[in-house]
N, C-alpha and C. Protein backbone atom coordinates (compact mmCIF):
# COMPACT_ATOMS: atom_id res chain seq x y z
N MET A 1 44.33 -14.65 12.09
CA MET A 1 42.93 -14.68 12.39
C MET A 1 42.62 -15.98 13.14
N GLN A 2 41.95 -15.84 14.26
CA GLN A 2 41.67 -17.00 15.09
C GLN A 2 40.39 -17.67 14.62
N SER A 3 40.40 -18.99 14.61
CA SER A 3 39.25 -19.77 14.16
C SER A 3 38.54 -20.37 15.35
N THR A 4 37.24 -20.57 15.19
CA THR A 4 36.47 -21.22 16.26
C THR A 4 36.45 -22.73 16.04
N TRP A 5 37.08 -23.19 14.97
CA TRP A 5 37.14 -24.62 14.68
C TRP A 5 38.26 -25.24 15.50
N GLU A 6 38.00 -26.36 16.14
CA GLU A 6 39.04 -27.07 16.87
C GLU A 6 39.93 -27.78 15.87
N GLU A 7 41.13 -28.11 16.29
CA GLU A 7 42.11 -28.74 15.39
C GLU A 7 41.61 -30.10 14.89
N ALA A 8 40.96 -30.86 15.75
CA ALA A 8 40.45 -32.17 15.34
C ALA A 8 39.38 -32.02 14.26
N HIS A 9 38.56 -30.98 14.36
CA HIS A 9 37.52 -30.74 13.36
C HIS A 9 38.16 -30.37 12.02
N SER A 10 39.17 -29.51 12.07
CA SER A 10 39.85 -29.10 10.84
C SER A 10 40.54 -30.28 10.17
N THR A 11 41.13 -31.17 10.97
CA THR A 11 41.80 -32.35 10.42
C THR A 11 40.79 -33.26 9.73
N ALA A 12 39.66 -33.49 10.39
CA ALA A 12 38.61 -34.33 9.79
C ALA A 12 38.07 -33.69 8.52
N LEU A 13 37.93 -32.37 8.51
CA LEU A 13 37.48 -31.67 7.32
C LEU A 13 38.45 -31.88 6.18
N ARG A 14 39.76 -31.74 6.48
CA ARG A 14 40.79 -31.92 5.46
C ARG A 14 40.71 -33.33 4.86
N GLU A 15 40.56 -34.35 5.71
CA GLU A 15 40.50 -35.74 5.21
C GLU A 15 39.29 -35.97 4.31
N LEU A 16 38.14 -35.45 4.72
CA LEU A 16 36.93 -35.66 3.93
C LEU A 16 36.99 -34.92 2.59
N VAL A 17 37.53 -33.70 2.59
CA VAL A 17 37.63 -32.93 1.34
C VAL A 17 38.59 -33.60 0.39
N GLU A 18 39.70 -34.14 0.91
CA GLU A 18 40.68 -34.81 0.05
C GLU A 18 40.10 -36.08 -0.57
N LYS A 19 39.11 -36.69 0.11
CA LYS A 19 38.46 -37.88 -0.45
C LYS A 19 37.42 -37.50 -1.51
N GLY A 20 37.10 -36.20 -1.60
CA GLY A 20 36.13 -35.76 -2.60
C GLY A 20 34.69 -35.84 -2.14
N VAL A 21 34.47 -35.87 -0.83
CA VAL A 21 33.11 -35.95 -0.29
C VAL A 21 32.44 -34.58 -0.47
N PRO A 22 31.19 -34.55 -0.91
CA PRO A 22 30.49 -33.26 -1.05
C PRO A 22 30.36 -32.55 0.29
N PHE A 23 30.34 -31.22 0.24
CA PHE A 23 30.36 -30.43 1.48
C PHE A 23 29.12 -30.62 2.33
N SER A 24 27.98 -30.93 1.72
CA SER A 24 26.80 -31.19 2.55
C SER A 24 27.02 -32.44 3.39
N GLU A 25 27.66 -33.46 2.81
CA GLU A 25 27.95 -34.68 3.55
C GLU A 25 29.11 -34.46 4.54
N VAL A 26 30.05 -33.58 4.18
CA VAL A 26 31.16 -33.26 5.10
C VAL A 26 30.60 -32.64 6.36
N ALA A 27 29.70 -31.67 6.20
CA ALA A 27 29.11 -31.01 7.37
C ALA A 27 28.32 -32.01 8.21
N ARG A 28 27.54 -32.89 7.55
CA ARG A 28 26.75 -33.88 8.27
C ARG A 28 27.67 -34.83 9.04
N ALA A 29 28.78 -35.28 8.43
CA ALA A 29 29.71 -36.21 9.09
C ALA A 29 30.38 -35.55 10.29
N LEU A 30 30.79 -34.29 10.13
CA LEU A 30 31.43 -33.59 11.25
C LEU A 30 30.45 -33.40 12.41
N ASN A 31 29.22 -33.08 12.09
CA ASN A 31 28.21 -32.87 13.15
C ASN A 31 27.92 -34.17 13.89
N GLU A 32 27.86 -35.30 13.18
CA GLU A 32 27.61 -36.59 13.83
C GLU A 32 28.81 -37.00 14.68
N ARG A 33 29.99 -36.77 14.17
CA ARG A 33 31.22 -37.24 14.84
C ARG A 33 31.54 -36.40 16.08
N PHE A 34 31.36 -35.05 15.99
CA PHE A 34 31.79 -34.19 17.08
C PHE A 34 30.63 -33.52 17.84
N GLY A 35 29.39 -33.77 17.40
CA GLY A 35 28.24 -33.16 18.08
C GLY A 35 28.17 -31.66 17.87
N THR A 36 28.54 -31.21 16.69
CA THR A 36 28.53 -29.78 16.37
C THR A 36 27.33 -29.46 15.49
N ALA A 37 27.26 -28.23 15.04
CA ALA A 37 26.16 -27.81 14.18
C ALA A 37 26.71 -27.01 12.99
N TYR A 38 27.75 -27.55 12.33
CA TYR A 38 28.32 -26.87 11.18
C TYR A 38 27.38 -27.00 9.98
N SER A 39 27.27 -25.92 9.22
CA SER A 39 26.46 -25.96 8.00
C SER A 39 27.37 -26.27 6.81
N ARG A 40 26.76 -26.55 5.68
CA ARG A 40 27.51 -26.80 4.46
C ARG A 40 28.38 -25.58 4.14
N ASN A 41 27.80 -24.38 4.27
CA ASN A 41 28.56 -23.16 3.97
C ASN A 41 29.71 -22.94 4.94
N ALA A 42 29.53 -23.33 6.20
CA ALA A 42 30.62 -23.21 7.17
C ALA A 42 31.78 -24.12 6.78
N ALA A 43 31.46 -25.32 6.32
CA ALA A 43 32.50 -26.26 5.89
C ALA A 43 33.23 -25.72 4.66
N ILE A 44 32.49 -25.15 3.71
CA ILE A 44 33.13 -24.58 2.52
C ILE A 44 34.03 -23.42 2.90
N GLY A 45 33.54 -22.53 3.77
CA GLY A 45 34.33 -21.37 4.19
C GLY A 45 35.61 -21.78 4.90
N ARG A 46 35.50 -22.76 5.80
CA ARG A 46 36.70 -23.22 6.53
C ARG A 46 37.69 -23.87 5.57
N ALA A 47 37.19 -24.65 4.60
CA ALA A 47 38.09 -25.30 3.63
C ALA A 47 38.82 -24.24 2.81
N ARG A 48 38.15 -23.19 2.44
CA ARG A 48 38.81 -22.11 1.67
C ARG A 48 39.86 -21.41 2.51
N ARG A 49 39.53 -21.15 3.77
CA ARG A 49 40.51 -20.49 4.64
C ARG A 49 41.72 -21.37 4.90
N MET A 50 41.52 -22.69 4.87
CA MET A 50 42.63 -23.62 5.08
C MET A 50 43.43 -23.81 3.79
N GLY A 51 42.93 -23.27 2.67
CA GLY A 51 43.64 -23.41 1.40
C GLY A 51 43.39 -24.72 0.71
N LEU A 52 42.34 -25.43 1.09
CA LEU A 52 42.03 -26.69 0.44
C LEU A 52 41.38 -26.42 -0.90
N SER A 53 41.48 -27.35 -1.78
CA SER A 53 40.89 -27.22 -3.10
C SER A 53 39.38 -27.33 -2.98
N VAL A 54 38.70 -26.25 -3.26
CA VAL A 54 37.25 -26.24 -3.22
C VAL A 54 36.77 -26.19 -4.66
N PRO A 55 35.95 -27.14 -5.06
CA PRO A 55 35.50 -27.13 -6.45
C PRO A 55 34.66 -25.89 -6.75
N GLU A 56 34.91 -25.31 -7.93
CA GLU A 56 34.14 -24.16 -8.38
C GLU A 56 32.74 -24.60 -8.74
N ARG A 57 31.81 -23.68 -8.63
CA ARG A 57 30.46 -23.96 -9.12
C ARG A 57 30.57 -23.92 -10.63
N ALA A 58 30.59 -25.06 -11.22
CA ALA A 58 30.87 -25.11 -12.64
C ALA A 58 29.68 -25.65 -13.40
N GLY A 59 29.45 -25.03 -14.53
CA GLY A 59 28.49 -25.54 -15.47
C GLY A 59 29.26 -26.27 -16.56
N PRO A 60 28.65 -26.58 -17.68
CA PRO A 60 29.35 -27.30 -18.73
C PRO A 60 30.50 -26.51 -19.35
N ALA A 61 30.43 -25.17 -19.31
CA ALA A 61 31.48 -24.38 -19.97
C ALA A 61 32.30 -23.59 -18.98
N GLY A 62 32.28 -23.91 -17.71
CA GLY A 62 33.07 -23.17 -16.73
C GLY A 62 32.22 -22.73 -15.56
N PRO A 63 32.68 -21.73 -14.84
CA PRO A 63 31.98 -21.31 -13.64
C PRO A 63 30.60 -20.70 -13.91
N PHE A 64 30.40 -20.10 -15.08
CA PHE A 64 29.11 -19.50 -15.40
C PHE A 64 28.56 -20.16 -16.64
N PRO A 65 27.26 -20.42 -16.67
CA PRO A 65 26.70 -21.04 -17.87
C PRO A 65 26.81 -20.09 -19.05
N ALA A 66 27.04 -20.66 -20.22
CA ALA A 66 27.17 -19.85 -21.42
C ALA A 66 25.82 -19.29 -21.81
N ALA A 67 25.83 -18.08 -22.28
CA ALA A 67 24.59 -17.45 -22.71
C ALA A 67 24.12 -18.10 -24.01
N ARG A 68 22.81 -18.32 -24.08
CA ARG A 68 22.27 -18.92 -25.29
C ARG A 68 22.22 -17.89 -26.40
N LYS A 69 22.53 -18.35 -27.60
CA LYS A 69 22.40 -17.45 -28.75
C LYS A 69 20.94 -17.38 -29.11
N PRO A 70 20.47 -16.20 -29.48
CA PRO A 70 19.06 -16.10 -29.86
C PRO A 70 18.79 -16.87 -31.15
N ASP A 71 17.69 -17.59 -31.15
CA ASP A 71 17.30 -18.36 -32.32
C ASP A 71 16.35 -17.50 -33.15
N ALA A 72 16.82 -17.07 -34.31
CA ALA A 72 16.05 -16.15 -35.15
C ALA A 72 14.72 -16.76 -35.58
N ARG A 73 14.70 -18.06 -35.89
CA ARG A 73 13.45 -18.69 -36.32
C ARG A 73 12.42 -18.68 -35.21
N ARG A 74 12.86 -18.96 -33.99
CA ARG A 74 11.94 -18.98 -32.86
C ARG A 74 11.39 -17.57 -32.60
N ILE A 75 12.25 -16.57 -32.68
CA ILE A 75 11.82 -15.19 -32.44
C ILE A 75 10.83 -14.74 -33.52
N LEU A 76 11.14 -15.02 -34.78
CA LEU A 76 10.26 -14.62 -35.87
C LEU A 76 8.92 -15.35 -35.78
N GLY A 77 8.93 -16.62 -35.42
CA GLY A 77 7.69 -17.37 -35.27
C GLY A 77 6.82 -16.79 -34.17
N LYS A 78 7.44 -16.39 -33.06
CA LYS A 78 6.70 -15.82 -31.95
C LYS A 78 6.10 -14.47 -32.36
N ARG A 79 6.87 -13.68 -33.11
CA ARG A 79 6.35 -12.39 -33.58
C ARG A 79 5.16 -12.60 -34.52
N ALA A 80 5.27 -13.59 -35.40
CA ALA A 80 4.19 -13.85 -36.35
C ALA A 80 2.92 -14.28 -35.59
N ARG A 81 3.06 -15.13 -34.58
CA ARG A 81 1.90 -15.56 -33.80
C ARG A 81 1.27 -14.37 -33.08
N ASN A 82 2.10 -13.47 -32.58
CA ASN A 82 1.58 -12.30 -31.88
C ASN A 82 0.82 -11.38 -32.83
N LEU A 83 1.26 -11.30 -34.09
CA LEU A 83 0.58 -10.45 -35.06
C LEU A 83 -0.76 -11.04 -35.47
N LEU A 84 -0.85 -12.37 -35.50
CA LEU A 84 -2.09 -13.01 -35.91
C LEU A 84 -3.15 -12.93 -34.83
N GLU A 85 -2.75 -12.95 -33.58
CA GLU A 85 -3.71 -12.89 -32.48
C GLU A 85 -4.22 -11.46 -32.34
N PRO A 86 -5.53 -11.30 -32.23
CA PRO A 86 -6.05 -9.93 -32.09
C PRO A 86 -5.65 -9.36 -30.72
N VAL A 87 -5.27 -8.12 -30.75
CA VAL A 87 -4.87 -7.44 -29.53
C VAL A 87 -6.12 -6.88 -28.88
N ALA A 88 -6.29 -7.20 -27.63
CA ALA A 88 -7.46 -6.69 -26.90
C ALA A 88 -7.33 -5.18 -26.77
N LYS A 89 -8.41 -4.49 -27.11
CA LYS A 89 -8.36 -3.03 -27.01
C LYS A 89 -8.37 -2.62 -25.55
N LEU A 90 -7.55 -1.66 -25.27
CA LEU A 90 -7.51 -1.15 -23.90
C LEU A 90 -8.74 -0.30 -23.67
N ALA A 91 -9.24 -0.36 -22.48
CA ALA A 91 -10.40 0.45 -22.14
C ALA A 91 -10.00 1.92 -22.20
N THR A 92 -10.71 2.67 -22.99
CA THR A 92 -10.39 4.10 -23.10
C THR A 92 -11.15 4.85 -22.02
N LEU A 93 -10.46 5.71 -21.39
CA LEU A 93 -11.08 6.51 -20.35
C LEU A 93 -11.60 7.80 -20.97
N GLU A 94 -12.77 8.18 -20.56
CA GLU A 94 -13.31 9.42 -21.06
C GLU A 94 -12.64 10.57 -20.33
N ARG A 95 -12.33 11.59 -21.11
CA ARG A 95 -11.68 12.77 -20.52
C ARG A 95 -12.69 13.50 -19.65
N ALA A 96 -12.28 13.85 -18.48
CA ALA A 96 -13.16 14.57 -17.56
C ALA A 96 -13.38 15.99 -18.09
N ALA A 97 -14.52 16.52 -17.78
CA ALA A 97 -14.82 17.89 -18.19
C ALA A 97 -13.86 18.84 -17.50
N VAL A 98 -13.50 19.90 -18.21
CA VAL A 98 -12.58 20.88 -17.65
C VAL A 98 -13.28 21.60 -16.51
N LEU A 99 -12.63 21.67 -15.41
CA LEU A 99 -13.19 22.30 -14.23
C LEU A 99 -13.14 23.81 -14.39
N GLN A 100 -14.28 24.43 -14.27
CA GLN A 100 -14.35 25.88 -14.35
C GLN A 100 -14.37 26.45 -12.94
N LEU A 101 -13.38 27.26 -12.63
CA LEU A 101 -13.32 27.87 -11.31
C LEU A 101 -14.21 29.11 -11.26
N ARG A 102 -14.61 29.43 -10.05
CA ARG A 102 -15.39 30.66 -9.88
C ARG A 102 -14.51 31.85 -10.18
N CYS A 103 -15.09 32.87 -10.74
CA CYS A 103 -14.33 34.07 -11.07
C CYS A 103 -14.14 34.92 -9.83
N VAL A 104 -13.05 35.62 -9.80
CA VAL A 104 -12.74 36.51 -8.71
C VAL A 104 -12.69 37.91 -9.30
N ALA A 105 -13.27 38.85 -8.61
CA ALA A 105 -13.30 40.22 -9.12
C ALA A 105 -11.97 40.90 -8.82
N ILE A 106 -10.90 40.37 -9.34
CA ILE A 106 -9.58 40.95 -9.15
C ILE A 106 -8.76 40.70 -10.40
N THR A 107 -8.00 41.65 -10.81
CA THR A 107 -7.14 41.50 -11.97
C THR A 107 -5.74 41.15 -11.47
N PRO A 108 -5.25 39.95 -11.79
CA PRO A 108 -3.93 39.56 -11.27
C PRO A 108 -2.81 40.38 -11.89
N ARG A 109 -1.72 40.49 -11.17
CA ARG A 109 -0.55 41.22 -11.66
C ARG A 109 0.34 40.33 -12.51
N HIS A 110 0.12 39.02 -12.52
CA HIS A 110 0.90 38.03 -13.30
C HIS A 110 2.41 38.20 -13.08
N LEU A 111 2.82 38.05 -11.83
CA LEU A 111 4.24 38.15 -11.48
C LEU A 111 4.87 36.76 -11.52
N ALA A 112 6.14 36.71 -11.88
CA ALA A 112 6.90 35.46 -11.82
C ALA A 112 7.22 35.18 -10.35
N LEU A 113 7.51 33.94 -10.05
CA LEU A 113 7.79 33.54 -8.66
C LEU A 113 8.95 34.35 -8.08
N VAL A 114 9.97 34.61 -8.86
CA VAL A 114 11.13 35.34 -8.35
C VAL A 114 10.83 36.80 -8.11
N ASP A 115 9.75 37.32 -8.73
CA ASP A 115 9.40 38.73 -8.56
C ASP A 115 8.47 38.97 -7.38
N LEU A 116 7.94 37.92 -6.75
CA LEU A 116 7.02 38.07 -5.64
C LEU A 116 7.75 38.58 -4.40
N GLU A 117 7.10 39.47 -3.68
CA GLU A 117 7.61 39.95 -2.39
C GLU A 117 7.04 39.04 -1.30
N ALA A 118 7.49 39.23 -0.07
CA ALA A 118 7.07 38.36 1.03
C ALA A 118 5.57 38.44 1.30
N ASP A 119 4.94 39.60 1.09
CA ASP A 119 3.53 39.76 1.41
C ASP A 119 2.64 39.73 0.17
N ASP A 120 3.09 39.15 -0.94
CA ASP A 120 2.29 39.08 -2.16
C ASP A 120 1.50 37.77 -2.22
N CYS A 121 0.34 37.83 -2.88
CA CYS A 121 -0.52 36.66 -3.06
C CYS A 121 0.15 35.66 -3.99
N ARG A 122 0.11 34.39 -3.62
CA ARG A 122 0.76 33.33 -4.40
C ARG A 122 -0.24 32.46 -5.15
N TYR A 123 -1.40 32.99 -5.48
CA TYR A 123 -2.39 32.23 -6.24
C TYR A 123 -1.86 32.08 -7.67
N PRO A 124 -1.74 30.84 -8.17
CA PRO A 124 -1.13 30.63 -9.49
C PRO A 124 -2.11 30.81 -10.65
N TYR A 125 -1.58 31.26 -11.77
CA TYR A 125 -2.31 31.39 -13.03
C TYR A 125 -1.48 30.73 -14.11
N GLY A 126 -2.16 30.09 -15.09
CA GLY A 126 -1.46 29.52 -16.24
C GLY A 126 -0.90 28.15 -15.94
N GLY A 127 -0.04 27.67 -16.85
CA GLY A 127 0.57 26.36 -16.72
C GLY A 127 -0.31 25.23 -17.18
N ASP A 128 -1.52 25.58 -17.72
CA ASP A 128 -2.44 24.54 -18.17
C ASP A 128 -1.96 23.88 -19.45
N ALA A 129 -1.43 24.65 -20.37
CA ALA A 129 -0.96 24.12 -21.65
C ALA A 129 0.55 23.88 -21.56
N GLU A 130 1.03 23.00 -22.41
CA GLU A 130 2.46 22.67 -22.44
C GLU A 130 3.27 23.93 -22.76
N GLY A 131 4.19 24.28 -21.91
CA GLY A 131 5.07 25.42 -22.14
C GLY A 131 4.50 26.75 -21.69
N GLU A 132 3.25 26.76 -21.23
CA GLU A 132 2.66 28.01 -20.77
C GLU A 132 3.27 28.38 -19.43
N PRO A 133 3.73 29.62 -19.26
CA PRO A 133 4.37 29.99 -17.99
C PRO A 133 3.34 30.10 -16.86
N ILE A 134 3.79 29.88 -15.66
CA ILE A 134 2.95 30.01 -14.48
C ILE A 134 3.28 31.36 -13.85
N THR A 135 2.25 32.16 -13.64
CA THR A 135 2.42 33.45 -12.99
C THR A 135 1.58 33.46 -11.72
N PHE A 136 1.73 34.52 -10.93
CA PHE A 136 1.04 34.59 -9.65
C PHE A 136 0.31 35.92 -9.52
N CYS A 137 -0.73 35.94 -8.67
CA CYS A 137 -1.59 37.10 -8.50
C CYS A 137 -0.78 38.34 -8.11
N GLY A 138 -0.06 38.31 -7.02
CA GLY A 138 0.83 39.39 -6.65
C GLY A 138 0.20 40.50 -5.83
N HIS A 139 -1.12 40.47 -5.57
CA HIS A 139 -1.75 41.51 -4.73
C HIS A 139 -1.40 41.24 -3.27
N PRO A 140 -1.57 42.22 -2.39
CA PRO A 140 -1.24 42.02 -0.97
C PRO A 140 -2.04 40.86 -0.38
N ARG A 141 -1.34 39.99 0.35
CA ARG A 141 -1.98 38.79 0.88
C ARG A 141 -2.67 39.07 2.20
N ARG A 142 -3.59 38.18 2.55
CA ARG A 142 -4.34 38.25 3.79
C ARG A 142 -3.47 37.74 4.93
N ASP A 143 -3.63 38.26 6.13
CA ASP A 143 -2.86 37.78 7.28
C ASP A 143 -3.17 36.32 7.54
N GLY A 144 -2.14 35.51 7.74
CA GLY A 144 -2.30 34.10 8.03
C GLY A 144 -2.59 33.24 6.82
N SER A 145 -2.45 33.79 5.61
CA SER A 145 -2.73 33.04 4.39
C SER A 145 -1.67 33.37 3.35
N SER A 146 -1.56 32.53 2.35
CA SER A 146 -0.65 32.79 1.23
C SER A 146 -1.35 33.56 0.12
N TYR A 147 -2.69 33.76 0.27
CA TYR A 147 -3.48 34.37 -0.78
C TYR A 147 -4.05 35.72 -0.33
N CYS A 148 -4.41 36.53 -1.32
CA CYS A 148 -5.11 37.78 -1.06
C CYS A 148 -6.53 37.43 -0.59
N PRO A 149 -7.28 38.36 -0.01
CA PRO A 149 -8.62 38.02 0.49
C PRO A 149 -9.53 37.41 -0.58
N SER A 150 -9.48 37.90 -1.81
CA SER A 150 -10.35 37.36 -2.86
C SER A 150 -10.00 35.90 -3.16
N HIS A 151 -8.73 35.60 -3.31
CA HIS A 151 -8.33 34.22 -3.61
C HIS A 151 -8.48 33.33 -2.38
N PHE A 152 -8.33 33.87 -1.20
CA PHE A 152 -8.54 33.09 0.01
C PHE A 152 -9.97 32.58 0.06
N HIS A 153 -10.95 33.46 -0.22
CA HIS A 153 -12.35 33.05 -0.19
C HIS A 153 -12.69 32.15 -1.36
N LEU A 154 -11.97 32.31 -2.47
CA LEU A 154 -12.19 31.43 -3.62
C LEU A 154 -11.77 30.00 -3.30
N THR A 155 -10.67 29.84 -2.58
CA THR A 155 -10.14 28.50 -2.31
C THR A 155 -10.64 27.91 -1.00
N SER A 156 -11.28 28.70 -0.16
CA SER A 156 -11.75 28.20 1.14
C SER A 156 -13.26 28.14 1.14
N ALA A 157 -13.79 27.12 1.76
CA ALA A 157 -15.24 27.01 1.90
C ALA A 157 -15.66 27.89 3.06
N PRO A 158 -16.47 28.93 2.82
CA PRO A 158 -16.81 29.86 3.91
C PRO A 158 -17.54 29.18 5.07
N GLU A 159 -18.34 28.13 4.79
CA GLU A 159 -19.06 27.47 5.88
C GLU A 159 -18.11 26.71 6.80
N LEU A 160 -16.95 26.26 6.28
CA LEU A 160 -15.98 25.57 7.12
C LEU A 160 -15.09 26.56 7.86
N LEU A 161 -14.99 27.77 7.34
CA LEU A 161 -14.11 28.75 7.94
C LEU A 161 -14.54 29.09 9.36
N GLU A 162 -15.87 29.25 9.56
CA GLU A 162 -16.34 29.56 10.90
C GLU A 162 -16.08 28.41 11.86
N LYS A 163 -16.18 27.17 11.37
CA LYS A 163 -15.95 26.01 12.22
C LYS A 163 -14.48 25.89 12.64
N ARG A 164 -13.59 26.40 11.81
CA ARG A 164 -12.15 26.26 12.10
C ARG A 164 -11.63 27.33 13.05
N GLN A 165 -12.40 28.37 13.28
CA GLN A 165 -11.94 29.45 14.15
C GLN A 165 -11.81 28.94 15.58
N PRO A 166 -10.69 29.19 16.22
CA PRO A 166 -10.56 28.75 17.62
C PRO A 166 -11.50 29.55 18.52
N ALA A 167 -11.95 28.92 19.56
CA ALA A 167 -12.84 29.59 20.52
C ALA A 167 -12.05 30.64 21.28
N LYS A 168 -12.72 31.73 21.59
CA LYS A 168 -12.09 32.81 22.36
C LYS A 168 -12.28 32.48 23.84
N THR A 169 -11.24 31.96 24.46
CA THR A 169 -11.30 31.58 25.87
C THR A 169 -10.35 32.48 26.64
N PRO A 170 -10.86 33.17 27.64
CA PRO A 170 -9.96 34.02 28.43
C PRO A 170 -9.00 33.16 29.25
N LEU A 171 -7.77 33.60 29.32
CA LEU A 171 -6.76 32.90 30.11
C LEU A 171 -6.67 33.55 31.47
N ARG A 172 -6.43 32.76 32.49
CA ARG A 172 -6.26 33.31 33.82
C ARG A 172 -4.98 32.77 34.44
N LEU A 173 -4.39 33.55 35.26
CA LEU A 173 -3.16 33.20 35.91
C LEU A 173 -3.47 32.27 37.07
N VAL A 174 -2.88 31.08 37.06
CA VAL A 174 -3.15 30.09 38.10
C VAL A 174 -2.16 30.25 39.24
N GLU A 175 -0.91 30.40 38.90
CA GLU A 175 0.11 30.47 39.93
C GLU A 175 1.20 31.40 39.46
N ALA A 176 1.66 32.25 40.31
CA ALA A 176 2.73 33.18 39.96
C ALA A 176 4.07 32.60 40.36
N ALA A 177 5.07 32.92 39.61
CA ALA A 177 6.41 32.38 39.91
C ALA A 177 7.07 33.14 41.02
């Protein structure tokens, strides 16, 4: 593997590391001496690649600090203080009134999703209570909708429906091929 470090730089690095100079000062000395821009991490990386002894990041017990043992007295004291302090009550939210949908003059077939055909209404029923199955209307659906005409009008605002209709504009041939 080819290095971008010149031989003179590597030699100076070796001398400074052998003297025990910290890598931040090694990088600063190399930059002053050779007019380079080596960082502390670049000096550490080059020293490792050269096989020089690089000191481990060591704490008092080795490379990683030892985990503190939990102090039972401190934990119990903290728990006791927490029990003595009154707990602020969380703001309770009022349950919203159950939304009553408009009734549709249609009796659903209550089909499972797997039993629906391509042209069946997919208006869902049930599933409100835990474990209650969800069934679907199953009547023939309206063209351009997933619902039958009754459920389509139930879920669509009729006043917006007229506004959404595209304008009927006659097309004319401008140029023939």
